[in-house]
Protein backbone atom coordinates (compact mmCIF):
# COMPACT_ATOMS: atom_id res chain seq x y z
CA UNK A 1 40.97 28.87 98.77
CA UNK A 2 40.45 28.25 102.48
CA UNK A 3 41.46 24.78 103.65
CA UNK A 4 39.24 23.64 106.52
CA UNK A 5 40.02 20.36 108.27
CA UNK A 6 37.20 18.27 109.69
CA UNK A 7 37.66 17.68 113.44
CA UNK A 8 39.62 14.49 114.06
CA UNK A 9 37.71 11.87 116.11
CA UNK A 10 39.19 10.61 119.39
CA UNK A 11 42.29 8.47 118.88
CA UNK A 12 41.02 5.46 120.84
CA UNK A 13 37.83 5.39 118.71
CA UNK A 14 39.90 5.48 115.52
CA UNK A 15 42.11 2.60 116.73
CA UNK A 16 39.11 0.54 117.88
CA UNK A 17 37.17 0.94 114.60
CA UNK A 18 40.30 0.37 112.47
CA UNK A 19 40.90 -2.93 114.31
CA UNK A 20 37.24 -4.03 114.13
CA UNK A 21 37.09 -3.42 110.36
CA UNK A 22 40.73 -4.30 109.51
CA UNK A 23 41.20 -0.95 107.76
CA UNK A 24 43.82 1.81 107.96
CA UNK A 25 43.34 4.56 110.54
CA UNK A 26 42.54 7.35 108.00
CA UNK A 27 39.62 5.22 106.73
CA UNK A 28 38.37 4.62 110.29
CA UNK A 29 38.67 8.35 110.99
CA UNK A 30 36.59 9.26 107.88
CA UNK A 31 33.91 6.71 108.82
CA UNK A 32 33.67 8.12 112.35
CA UNK A 33 33.35 11.66 110.92
CA UNK A 34 30.36 10.33 108.92
CA UNK A 35 28.66 8.94 112.01
CA UNK A 36 29.68 5.29 111.46
CA UNK A 37 30.90 4.05 114.82
CA UNK A 38 30.40 0.25 114.89
CA UNK A 39 31.01 -2.84 112.77
CA UNK A 40 27.23 -3.17 112.17
CA UNK A 41 26.87 0.45 111.00
CA UNK A 42 29.87 0.01 108.70
CA UNK A 43 28.37 -3.16 107.25
CA UNK A 44 25.12 -1.30 106.50
CA UNK A 45 27.12 1.53 104.93
CA UNK A 46 29.42 -0.55 102.73
CA UNK A 47 26.82 -3.16 101.81
CA UNK A 48 23.52 -1.34 101.11
CA UNK A 49 20.58 -3.76 101.17
CA UNK A 50 17.08 -3.60 99.73
CA UNK A 51 15.83 -4.53 103.22
CA UNK A 52 16.87 -1.00 104.28
CA UNK A 53 14.15 0.51 102.06
CA UNK A 54 11.26 1.61 104.28
CA UNK A 55 7.63 0.49 104.14
CA UNK A 56 5.81 3.08 101.93
CA UNK A 57 2.73 3.01 104.20
CA UNK A 58 4.77 4.73 106.93
CA UNK A 59 4.27 7.89 104.83
CA UNK A 60 1.21 9.93 105.76
CA UNK A 61 -1.67 9.65 103.23
CA UNK A 62 -0.08 6.73 101.34
CA UNK A 63 -3.11 4.51 102.05
CA UNK A 64 -5.42 7.29 100.75
CA UNK A 65 -3.33 7.72 97.58
CA UNK A 66 -3.26 3.98 96.81
CA UNK A 67 -7.02 3.60 97.49
CA UNK A 68 -7.87 6.55 95.18
CA UNK A 69 -5.69 5.21 92.32
CA UNK A 70 -7.20 1.72 92.68
CA UNK A 71 -10.68 3.28 92.57
CA UNK A 72 -9.75 5.20 89.39
CA UNK A 73 -8.59 1.95 87.77
CA UNK A 74 -11.73 0.06 88.87
CA UNK A 75 -13.95 2.87 87.50
CA UNK A 76 -11.96 3.21 84.26
CA UNK A 77 -11.08 6.87 84.95
CA UNK A 78 -8.45 8.80 82.99
CA UNK A 79 -5.34 9.52 85.08
CA UNK A 80 -2.97 12.42 84.29
CA UNK A 81 0.61 12.20 85.59
CA UNK A 82 1.81 15.81 86.03
CA UNK A 83 5.39 16.81 86.84
CA UNK A 84 7.92 19.60 86.71
CA UNK A 85 10.19 20.12 83.67
CA UNK A 86 13.53 19.46 85.40
CA UNK A 87 15.31 16.11 85.87
CA UNK A 88 13.53 15.27 89.13
CA UNK A 89 10.10 16.04 87.65
CA UNK A 90 10.55 14.33 84.27
CA UNK A 91 12.09 11.17 85.78
CA UNK A 92 9.24 11.02 88.34
CA UNK A 93 6.59 11.35 85.60
CA UNK A 94 8.37 8.69 83.52
CA UNK A 95 8.57 6.38 86.55
CA UNK A 96 4.93 6.57 87.70
CA UNK A 97 3.41 6.59 84.20
CA UNK A 98 5.51 3.67 82.91
CA UNK A 99 4.70 1.63 86.06
CA UNK A 100 0.92 2.28 85.85
CA UNK A 101 0.90 1.48 82.13
CA UNK A 102 2.14 -2.05 82.85
CA UNK A 103 -1.43 -2.84 83.93
CA UNK A 104 -3.66 0.15 83.09
CA UNK A 105 -3.81 2.06 79.80
CA UNK A 106 -5.89 5.20 80.56
CA UNK A 107 -2.80 7.12 81.66
CA UNK A 108 -1.28 10.24 80.07
CA UNK A 109 1.53 12.61 81.07
CA UNK A 110 1.74 16.40 81.30
CA UNK A 111 4.83 18.57 81.71
CA UNK A 112 4.17 22.34 81.99
CA UNK A 113 5.90 24.65 79.52
CA UNK A 114 8.80 26.36 81.30
CA UNK A 115 8.09 29.69 79.57
CA UNK A 116 4.31 29.81 79.21
CA UNK A 117 3.30 28.13 82.49
CA UNK A 118 6.37 28.34 84.71
CA UNK A 119 7.17 26.10 87.67
CA UNK A 120 4.68 23.75 89.33
CA UNK A 121 0.99 23.08 88.83
CA UNK A 122 -0.62 25.48 86.33
CA UNK A 123 -4.21 26.51 85.60
CA UNK A 124 -3.51 25.64 81.96
CA UNK A 125 -2.60 22.07 83.00
CA UNK A 126 -5.84 21.73 84.98
CA UNK A 127 -7.84 23.10 82.01
CA UNK A 128 -6.11 20.52 79.80
CA UNK A 129 -7.20 17.79 82.23
CA UNK A 130 -10.81 19.06 82.18
CA UNK A 131 -10.92 19.36 78.36
CA UNK A 132 -9.62 15.81 77.96
CA UNK A 133 -11.75 14.06 80.56
CA UNK A 134 -9.15 13.43 83.31
CA UNK A 135 -10.68 13.08 86.77
CA UNK A 136 -7.45 12.35 88.70
CA UNK A 137 -4.13 14.20 88.54
CA UNK A 138 -1.03 12.77 90.24
CA UNK A 139 1.41 15.69 90.69
CA UNK A 140 5.09 14.83 91.15
CA UNK A 141 7.93 17.04 92.41
CA UNK A 142 5.51 19.97 92.79
CA UNK A 143 2.20 20.99 94.32
CA UNK A 144 2.92 21.35 98.05
CA UNK A 145 1.96 25.06 97.93
CA UNK A 146 -0.67 24.81 95.14
CA UNK A 147 -3.63 25.52 97.45
CA UNK A 148 -5.58 27.67 94.94
CA UNK A 149 -4.83 25.35 92.00
CA UNK A 150 -6.07 22.26 93.87
CA UNK A 151 -9.26 24.16 94.80
CA UNK A 152 -9.67 25.23 91.15
CA UNK A 153 -9.38 21.57 90.06
CA UNK A 154 -11.75 20.42 92.79
CA UNK A 155 -14.41 22.85 91.50
CA UNK A 156 -14.12 21.03 88.16
CA UNK A 157 -14.49 17.61 89.87
CA UNK A 158 -10.82 16.76 89.33
CA UNK A 159 -9.01 15.09 92.26
CA UNK A 160 -5.34 15.63 93.08
CA UNK A 161 -2.72 13.35 94.63
CA UNK A 162 0.40 15.38 95.42
CA UNK A 163 3.85 13.75 95.69
CA UNK A 164 6.37 16.44 96.65
CA UNK A 165 9.54 16.88 98.67
CA UNK A 166 9.74 20.67 98.90
CA UNK A 167 9.17 22.35 102.24
CA UNK A 168 5.42 22.79 102.95
CA UNK A 169 3.95 26.16 103.89
CA UNK A 170 1.63 26.66 106.89
CA UNK A 171 -1.30 25.24 104.93
CA UNK A 172 -1.42 21.90 103.08
CA UNK A 173 -3.46 21.78 99.82
CA UNK A 174 -6.85 20.12 100.19
CA UNK A 175 -5.99 17.17 97.92
CA UNK A 176 -7.14 13.54 98.23
CA UNK A 177 -3.62 12.69 99.44
CA UNK A 178 -0.46 14.73 100.01
CA UNK A 179 2.67 12.59 100.13
CA UNK A 180 5.59 14.62 101.44
CA UNK A 181 8.03 13.31 104.08
CA UNK A 182 8.74 16.94 105.08
CA UNK A 183 5.17 17.41 106.35
CA UNK A 184 5.27 18.15 110.08
CA UNK A 185 2.54 15.55 110.67
CA UNK A 186 4.32 12.82 108.64
CA UNK A 187 6.35 10.26 110.62
CA UNK A 188 8.12 8.67 107.66
CA UNK A 189 11.63 7.73 108.89
CA UNK A 190 13.55 9.54 106.10
CA UNK A 191 12.63 13.04 104.95
CA UNK A 192 15.31 13.77 102.33
CA UNK A 193 13.77 11.89 99.36
CA UNK A 194 13.70 13.71 96.01
CA UNK A 195 10.44 14.08 94.03
CA UNK A 196 11.15 10.95 92.00
CA UNK A 197 11.91 9.15 95.30
CA UNK A 198 8.42 10.04 96.60
CA UNK A 199 7.04 8.78 93.25
CA UNK A 200 8.91 5.52 93.84
CA UNK A 201 7.29 5.16 97.29
CA UNK A 202 3.89 5.57 95.58
CA UNK A 203 4.54 2.72 93.10
CA UNK A 204 5.91 0.66 96.00
CA UNK A 205 2.56 1.22 97.76
CA UNK A 206 0.63 0.26 94.61
CA UNK A 207 2.83 -2.82 94.06
CA UNK A 208 1.88 -4.22 97.48
CA UNK A 209 -1.70 -4.71 96.18
CA UNK A 210 -0.37 -6.76 93.28
CA UNK A 211 1.81 -9.05 95.38
CA UNK A 212 4.91 -7.48 93.86
CA UNK A 213 8.06 -7.09 95.95
CA UNK A 214 10.86 -4.53 95.90
CA UNK A 215 12.72 -6.83 93.47
CA UNK A 216 9.95 -6.34 90.90
CA UNK A 217 10.51 -2.58 91.12
CA UNK A 218 14.30 -2.63 90.66
CA UNK A 219 14.08 -1.70 86.93
CA UNK A 220 12.65 1.72 87.94
CA UNK A 221 15.64 2.62 90.12
CA UNK A 222 17.73 3.92 87.18
CA UNK A 223 15.32 6.89 87.11
CA UNK A 224 15.44 7.33 90.91
CA UNK A 225 19.27 7.28 91.00
CA UNK A 226 19.39 9.91 88.23
CA UNK A 227 16.99 12.19 90.12
CA UNK A 228 18.87 11.74 93.42
CA UNK A 229 22.15 12.75 91.74
CA UNK A 230 20.69 15.65 89.75
CA UNK A 231 18.59 17.14 92.56
CA UNK A 232 21.59 17.25 94.94
CA UNK A 233 19.70 15.67 97.85
CA UNK A 234 21.70 14.04 100.70
CA UNK A 235 23.42 10.79 99.70
CA UNK A 236 22.69 9.02 102.97
CA UNK A 237 19.97 6.80 104.43
CA UNK A 238 17.36 5.56 101.98
CA UNK A 239 18.66 7.79 99.15
CA UNK A 240 22.03 6.02 99.27
CA UNK A 241 20.40 2.58 99.04
CA UNK A 242 18.17 3.67 96.12
CA UNK A 243 21.12 5.31 94.31
CA UNK A 244 23.37 2.27 94.88
CA UNK A 245 20.90 -0.16 93.30
CA UNK A 246 19.86 2.39 90.66
CA UNK A 247 23.46 2.65 89.47
CA UNK A 248 23.61 -1.13 89.21
CA UNK A 249 20.54 -0.99 86.93
CA UNK A 250 22.09 1.81 84.81
CA UNK A 251 25.25 -0.27 84.35
CA UNK A 252 23.64 -3.69 83.83
CA UNK A 253 20.16 -3.31 82.37
CA UNK A 254 19.10 0.33 81.90
CA UNK A 255 15.84 1.40 80.27
CA UNK A 256 15.93 1.92 76.49
CA UNK A 257 16.14 5.74 76.81
CA UNK A 258 19.30 5.50 78.90
CA UNK A 259 20.73 2.92 76.50
CA UNK A 260 20.20 5.42 73.68
CA UNK A 261 22.08 8.17 75.59
CA UNK A 262 24.89 5.76 76.53
CA UNK A 263 25.05 4.56 72.91
CA UNK A 264 25.78 8.16 71.85
CA UNK A 265 28.29 8.85 74.62
CA UNK A 266 30.06 5.51 74.04
CA UNK A 267 30.88 5.11 77.73
CA UNK A 268 30.69 1.56 79.11
CA UNK A 269 30.03 2.25 82.83
CA UNK A 270 28.58 5.17 84.75
CA UNK A 271 29.29 6.48 88.27
CA UNK A 272 26.90 8.86 90.04
CA UNK A 273 29.18 11.71 88.84
CA UNK A 274 28.63 10.60 85.23
CA UNK A 275 24.89 10.52 85.86
CA UNK A 276 25.03 14.09 87.23
CA UNK A 277 27.29 15.51 84.50
CA UNK A 278 26.36 13.40 81.45
CA UNK A 279 22.81 12.04 81.72
CA UNK A 280 21.14 14.77 83.83
CA UNK A 281 22.17 17.82 81.69
CA UNK A 282 20.80 16.09 78.59
CA UNK A 283 17.46 15.36 80.27
CA UNK A 284 17.39 18.95 81.57
CA UNK A 285 18.26 20.42 78.15
CA UNK A 286 14.88 19.33 76.76
CA UNK A 287 12.98 21.53 79.25
CA UNK A 288 15.49 24.39 78.98
CA UNK A 289 15.64 24.64 75.20
CA UNK A 290 12.39 23.08 73.92
CA UNK A 291 9.93 21.23 76.18
CA UNK A 292 10.20 18.76 79.07
CA UNK A 293 7.92 16.38 77.15
CA UNK A 294 10.88 15.39 75.00
CA UNK A 295 12.64 14.02 78.09
CA UNK A 296 9.59 11.97 79.12
CA UNK A 297 9.27 10.58 75.57
CA UNK A 298 12.91 9.46 75.67
CA UNK A 299 12.68 7.95 79.18
CA UNK A 300 9.49 5.98 78.48
CA UNK A 301 10.30 4.81 74.93
CA UNK A 302 10.54 1.03 74.49
CA UNK A 303 11.75 0.93 70.87
CA UNK A 304 15.55 1.39 70.68
CA UNK A 305 15.62 2.98 67.21
CA UNK A 306 12.98 5.55 68.18
CA UNK A 307 14.85 6.23 71.45
CA UNK A 308 18.05 6.88 69.46
CA UNK A 309 16.13 9.50 67.43
CA UNK A 310 14.86 11.16 70.64
CA UNK A 311 18.35 11.00 72.17
CA UNK A 312 19.96 12.67 69.16
CA UNK A 313 17.35 15.48 69.27
CA UNK A 314 18.11 15.95 72.98
CA UNK A 315 21.85 15.88 72.19
CA UNK A 316 21.20 18.76 69.80
CA UNK A 317 19.33 20.74 72.51
CA UNK A 318 22.22 20.10 74.89
CA UNK A 319 24.79 21.39 72.38
CA UNK A 320 22.61 24.46 71.80
CA UNK A 321 22.33 24.94 75.59
CA UNK A 322 26.14 24.75 76.00
CA UNK A 323 26.74 27.35 73.28
CA UNK A 324 24.16 29.73 74.76
CA UNK A 325 25.49 29.25 78.27
CA UNK A 326 29.06 30.05 77.06
CA UNK A 327 27.94 33.13 75.11
CA UNK A 328 25.77 34.55 77.93
CA UNK A 329 28.46 33.90 80.57
CA UNK A 330 30.93 35.85 78.37
CA UNK A 331 28.47 38.77 78.01
CA UNK A 332 27.72 38.77 81.76
CA UNK A 333 31.43 38.84 82.70
CA UNK A 334 31.92 41.77 80.32
CA UNK A 335 28.97 43.57 81.94
CA UNK A 336 30.55 43.15 85.42
CA UNK A 337 33.83 44.63 84.07
CA UNK A 338 32.14 47.55 82.31
CA UNK A 339 30.04 48.44 85.37
CA UNK A 340 33.15 48.31 87.59
CA UNK A 341 31.34 45.97 90.02
CA UNK A 342 34.22 43.61 90.80
CA UNK A 343 34.42 44.91 94.38
CA UNK A 344 30.72 44.38 95.14
CA UNK A 345 29.48 41.78 97.63
CA UNK A 346 27.00 40.52 95.00
CA UNK A 347 26.79 39.94 91.27
CA UNK A 348 23.55 41.15 89.66
CA UNK A 349 23.45 41.26 85.84
CA UNK A 350 20.65 41.73 83.29
CA UNK A 351 20.00 41.58 79.56
CA UNK A 352 16.57 41.34 77.99
CA UNK A 353 17.91 38.97 75.29
CA UNK A 354 19.31 36.24 77.54
CA UNK A 355 17.63 32.83 77.27
CA UNK A 356 15.56 32.10 80.38
CA UNK A 357 16.41 28.39 80.22
CA UNK A 358 20.12 28.88 80.94
CA UNK A 359 20.29 31.82 83.37
CA UNK A 360 20.57 29.43 86.34
CA UNK A 361 23.61 27.73 84.79
CA UNK A 362 25.14 31.15 83.98
CA UNK A 363 24.67 32.25 87.62
CA UNK A 364 26.65 29.16 88.74
CA UNK A 365 29.38 29.93 86.16
CA UNK A 366 29.71 33.53 87.39
CA UNK A 367 30.28 32.25 90.93
CA UNK A 368 33.28 30.27 89.62
CA UNK A 369 34.86 33.59 88.52
CA UNK A 370 33.42 36.09 91.04
CA UNK A 371 32.75 34.12 94.21
CA UNK A 372 29.65 35.77 95.73
CA UNK A 373 25.82 35.54 95.77
CA UNK A 374 24.69 35.97 92.17
CA UNK A 375 21.51 36.88 90.27
CA UNK A 376 21.10 36.70 86.49
CA UNK A 377 18.04 38.54 85.10
CA UNK A 378 16.31 38.39 81.72
CA UNK A 379 13.04 39.69 80.28
CA UNK A 380 10.01 37.42 80.72
CA UNK A 381 6.81 38.90 79.27
CA UNK A 382 6.30 42.30 80.89
CA UNK A 383 8.41 41.37 83.93
CA UNK A 384 12.05 40.52 84.66
CA UNK A 385 12.87 36.98 85.80
CA UNK A 386 16.04 35.91 87.59
CA UNK A 387 17.86 32.85 88.81
CA UNK A 388 19.77 33.21 92.07
CA UNK A 389 22.74 31.10 93.19
CA UNK A 390 24.71 31.39 96.41
CA UNK A 391 28.11 30.63 97.88
CA UNK A 392 28.67 27.90 100.46
CA UNK A 393 27.30 28.87 103.87
CA UNK A 394 25.18 31.86 102.76
CA UNK A 395 21.37 31.74 102.63
CA UNK A 396 20.35 33.62 99.47
CA UNK A 397 16.64 32.87 100.09
CA UNK A 398 16.84 34.81 103.39
CA UNK A 399 18.55 37.72 101.64
CA UNK A 400 15.80 37.83 99.00
CA UNK A 401 13.14 37.85 101.74
CA UNK A 402 14.68 41.10 103.00
CA UNK A 403 14.17 42.62 99.52
CA UNK A 404 10.57 41.38 99.21
CA UNK A 405 9.13 44.90 98.79
CA UNK A 406 10.63 45.06 95.28
CA UNK A 407 9.83 41.45 94.26
CA UNK A 408 6.63 40.21 92.62
CA UNK A 409 7.18 36.50 93.30
CA UNK A 410 10.00 34.30 94.53
CA UNK A 411 10.69 30.76 95.71
CA UNK A 412 13.54 28.36 96.25
CA UNK A 413 15.93 27.42 99.04
CA UNK A 414 19.23 28.35 100.70
CA UNK A 415 21.51 28.03 97.68
CA UNK A 416 19.21 28.48 94.66
CA UNK A 417 16.10 30.54 94.05
CA UNK A 418 14.04 32.13 91.31
CA UNK A 419 12.18 35.43 91.28
CA UNK A 420 10.27 37.92 89.14
CA UNK A 421 9.98 41.69 89.51
CA UNK A 422 8.71 44.72 87.57
CA UNK A 423 11.33 46.43 85.34
CA UNK A 424 10.94 49.75 87.23
CA UNK A 425 11.99 48.01 90.48
CA UNK A 426 15.21 46.46 89.08
CA UNK A 427 17.67 49.18 90.18
CA UNK A 428 16.07 49.57 93.63
CA UNK A 429 16.12 45.80 94.12
CA UNK A 430 19.74 45.56 92.96
CA UNK A 431 20.84 48.23 95.44
CA UNK A 432 18.87 46.69 98.33
CA UNK A 433 20.20 43.17 97.60
CA UNK A 434 23.77 44.51 97.57
CA UNK A 435 23.22 46.29 100.92
CA UNK A 436 21.61 43.24 102.57
CA UNK A 437 24.40 40.87 101.44
CA UNK A 438 27.20 43.35 102.27
CA UNK A 439 25.81 43.61 105.82
CA UNK A 440 25.29 39.87 106.39
CA UNK A 441 27.93 37.96 104.36
CA UNK A 442 30.78 36.99 106.73
CA UNK A 443 34.24 37.87 105.41
CA UNK A 444 35.45 34.23 105.36
CA UNK A 445 32.54 33.17 103.08
CA UNK A 446 33.96 35.42 100.34
CA UNK A 447 36.67 32.82 99.73
CA UNK A 448 35.86 29.32 98.40
CA UNK A 449 36.39 26.60 101.00
CA UNK A 450 37.84 23.12 100.64
CA UNK A 451 36.84 20.77 103.45
CA UNK A 452 39.55 18.18 104.06
CA UNK A 453 38.70 14.81 105.60
CA UNK A 454 42.20 13.60 106.51
CA UNK A 455 45.89 14.28 106.07
CA UNK A 456 47.82 11.47 104.37
CA UNK A 457 51.39 10.50 103.66
CA UNK A 458 51.49 9.69 99.95
CA UNK A 459 52.91 6.28 100.87
CA UNK A 460 49.53 5.44 102.49
CA UNK A 461 47.83 5.51 99.08
CA UNK A 462 47.79 1.80 98.24
CA UNK A 463 45.49 -0.20 95.92
CA UNK A 464 43.67 -1.59 99.00
CA UNK A 465 43.21 1.92 100.44
CA UNK A 466 41.81 3.15 97.11
CA UNK A 467 39.49 0.14 96.82
CA UNK A 468 37.92 0.92 100.20
CA UNK A 469 37.44 4.59 99.26
CA UNK A 470 35.68 3.42 96.07
CA UNK A 471 33.32 1.29 98.15
CA UNK A 472 32.14 4.45 99.95
CA UNK A 473 30.36 5.49 96.73
CA UNK A 474 27.85 6.64 95.60
CA UNK A 475 29.03 10.08 96.68
CA UNK A 476 26.92 13.19 97.19
CA UNK A 477 25.92 15.69 99.89
CA UNK A 478 26.50 14.26 103.43
CA UNK A 479 28.65 11.55 101.85
CA UNK A 480 31.08 13.46 99.69
CA UNK A 481 34.10 11.85 98.07
CA UNK A 482 36.88 12.11 100.70
CA UNK A 483 39.32 14.98 100.21
CA UNK A 484 42.88 14.46 101.46
CA UNK A 485 45.85 16.71 101.98
CA UNK A 486 49.57 15.91 101.90
CA UNK A 487 52.26 18.35 103.01
CA UNK A 488 55.82 19.04 101.88
CA UNK A 489 55.62 17.21 98.56
CA UNK A 490 57.86 17.99 95.57
CA UNK A 491 57.48 17.74 91.83
CA UNK A 492 60.03 15.51 90.07
CA UNK A 493 60.90 18.35 87.69
CA UNK A 494 58.64 17.30 84.85
CA UNK A 495 55.54 19.20 86.05
CA UNK A 496 53.91 21.11 83.18
CA UNK A 497 50.84 22.96 82.00
CA UNK A 498 48.64 20.85 79.71
CA UNK A 499 45.46 21.29 77.66
CA UNK A 500 44.82 23.35 74.54
CA UNK A 501 44.93 26.59 76.55
CA UNK A 502 47.49 25.33 79.11
CA UNK A 503 44.88 25.74 81.87
CA UNK A 504 45.56 22.36 83.56
CA UNK A 505 48.55 21.13 85.54
CA UNK A 506 50.14 17.68 85.26
CA UNK A 507 52.59 16.67 88.01
CA UNK A 508 54.59 13.68 89.22
CA UNK A 509 54.83 14.07 92.99
CA UNK A 510 57.63 12.81 95.25
CA UNK A 511 57.39 12.63 99.03
CA UNK A 512 60.18 12.34 101.63
CA UNK A 513 63.22 10.19 100.85
CA UNK A 514 61.03 7.69 98.96
CA UNK A 515 61.65 8.42 95.28
CA UNK A 516 58.42 6.78 94.18
CA UNK A 517 56.36 9.15 92.01
CA UNK A 518 52.62 9.73 92.27
CA UNK A 519 50.67 10.94 89.22
CA UNK A 520 48.60 14.07 89.77
CA UNK A 521 46.40 16.23 87.56
CA UNK A 522 44.90 19.61 88.49
CA UNK A 523 42.13 20.77 86.18
CA UNK A 524 42.03 24.56 86.02
CA UNK A 525 45.21 24.81 88.13
CA UNK A 526 47.61 25.70 85.26
CA UNK A 527 48.25 29.11 86.85
CA UNK A 528 49.77 27.36 89.91
CA UNK A 529 52.92 26.33 87.97
CA UNK A 530 55.13 28.89 89.83
CA UNK A 531 54.07 27.39 93.21
CA UNK A 532 55.62 23.97 92.47
CA UNK A 533 59.27 25.07 92.22
CA UNK A 534 59.89 24.20 95.91
CA UNK A 535 58.04 22.04 98.47
CA UNK A 536 54.28 22.57 98.54
CA UNK A 537 51.06 21.16 100.01
CA UNK A 538 48.29 19.53 97.97
CA UNK A 539 44.55 18.94 98.52
CA UNK A 540 43.07 16.19 96.35
CA UNK A 541 40.67 13.32 95.81
CA UNK A 542 41.67 9.92 94.40
CA UNK A 543 40.69 8.46 91.06
CA UNK A 544 41.92 5.94 88.49
CA UNK A 545 43.68 6.83 85.28
CA UNK A 546 43.95 4.39 82.37
CA UNK A 547 46.64 5.10 79.80
CA UNK A 548 47.82 2.67 77.11
CA UNK A 549 45.92 -0.16 78.80
CA UNK A 550 47.65 0.46 82.17
CA UNK A 551 45.49 1.64 85.10
CA UNK A 552 47.00 3.54 88.04
CA UNK A 553 45.76 5.63 90.97
CA UNK A 554 45.81 9.34 90.23
CA UNK A 555 45.58 12.35 92.54
CA UNK A 556 42.88 14.78 91.34
CA UNK A 557 44.25 18.06 92.68
CA UNK A 558 41.76 20.52 94.15
CA UNK A 559 44.29 23.14 95.23
CA UNK A 560 48.01 23.72 95.81
CA UNK A 561 49.59 25.88 98.53
């Protein structure tokens, strides 16, 4: 791994901020690196407030969207809430539909089938709306490029309101309203909302007509926090405020569907990491293995016993998803070995039998073993479909654009994309993709990078220091959990490999002449045992470990040199 240190701010700024906030210098340094330079900015950062949530009517077309929904209610129209099958889409559909149903009953939901309809707004979904007498569709987390679909609906006298956060193309669909903070002509002050976040702005706009305040909408923030975590959007600005209060809801008074999941997991409190790795995969598993509708049913259910039934079905899908993901990853790794492609700049693998719902996860797993841009293909009808994943710093979407002559359809962003192509173009595409990446992937990006915020003496890790680090949560892109390094540490001689397959490393670190020991665990670092015989350097984050009722600070090792 490459260890990259963030540039250290100027010493006088560190001293000034440390004094103003009464914190240690490493904390002041980390805050300055994150753009927090004054007492006021720090206060806003450490104490998120609901007053920092923007007025929804600053978003272009919000007034049009609210007016059209109010007209639909006044005229007793049927409203269809349409959303994508992933976490962001299903939480957004659950949020808007459950809010509207508190005062209007002619509301139904629609999640497209991942396999039959694919991503985004589908003709089949519009036909369903026509057949069932819906005259207004509210699309969430999709639709910004659905120009033909919106026209198709319009010809059937069905209006669209689009709430999306993906990058618009040159043309905006001709819908009644298009809410998207990434629109060039939208002056909304924060453009990194997720799809569910845009859905929340819509209900905030609707609430203003009912004399409701932001406090009345707090119960919906458990869904928003889950989508923010799962969709890997920046954890700054408005997202951080929404996630902060959403986590409070999850831990104090979550919706019944979340209670049912938590009841199964038997975990008393959840951090944003738990939301990302425990709640989100279960919600996602419904759309991957069966149908996204199952997730919406769970998230909108108000009867606990029914929710427990839904949650156990979803638990089953998640177990099935894990087994498939393990099996396919194993087959893909074997394919790389057999094809002697370990030296390639890319990983491109294919089997017609692989489950389309897990190929994205498998692509991410392959990057853990072979660190390079990766594509996993499977058969989808008469075409091949693939999920692409990239390594830090490399734009896989750009690379795919340079192979467009062999691709039928593709979409996505810098680090993740999806595409389809004709079987006869597979080998030509594979060769071209390898050539493009080999020519444009800088040598240093072939090695995973750890970005280190600050160097610490182990003696600086005190309960107060740890408490302040905790208050920097929720963590996510643009506000990652701080990573520290300490040099010339030693193990006290009891360091050992742990875990059923001895793949983890448990150490008690000593530093300098101080014989105090510091607990450390390195998941997946079991092979580093030979490195700890003499002095070594560690990169780590901080966490708590509770053992036999005693809680202590633990170093979560990222790497050892």
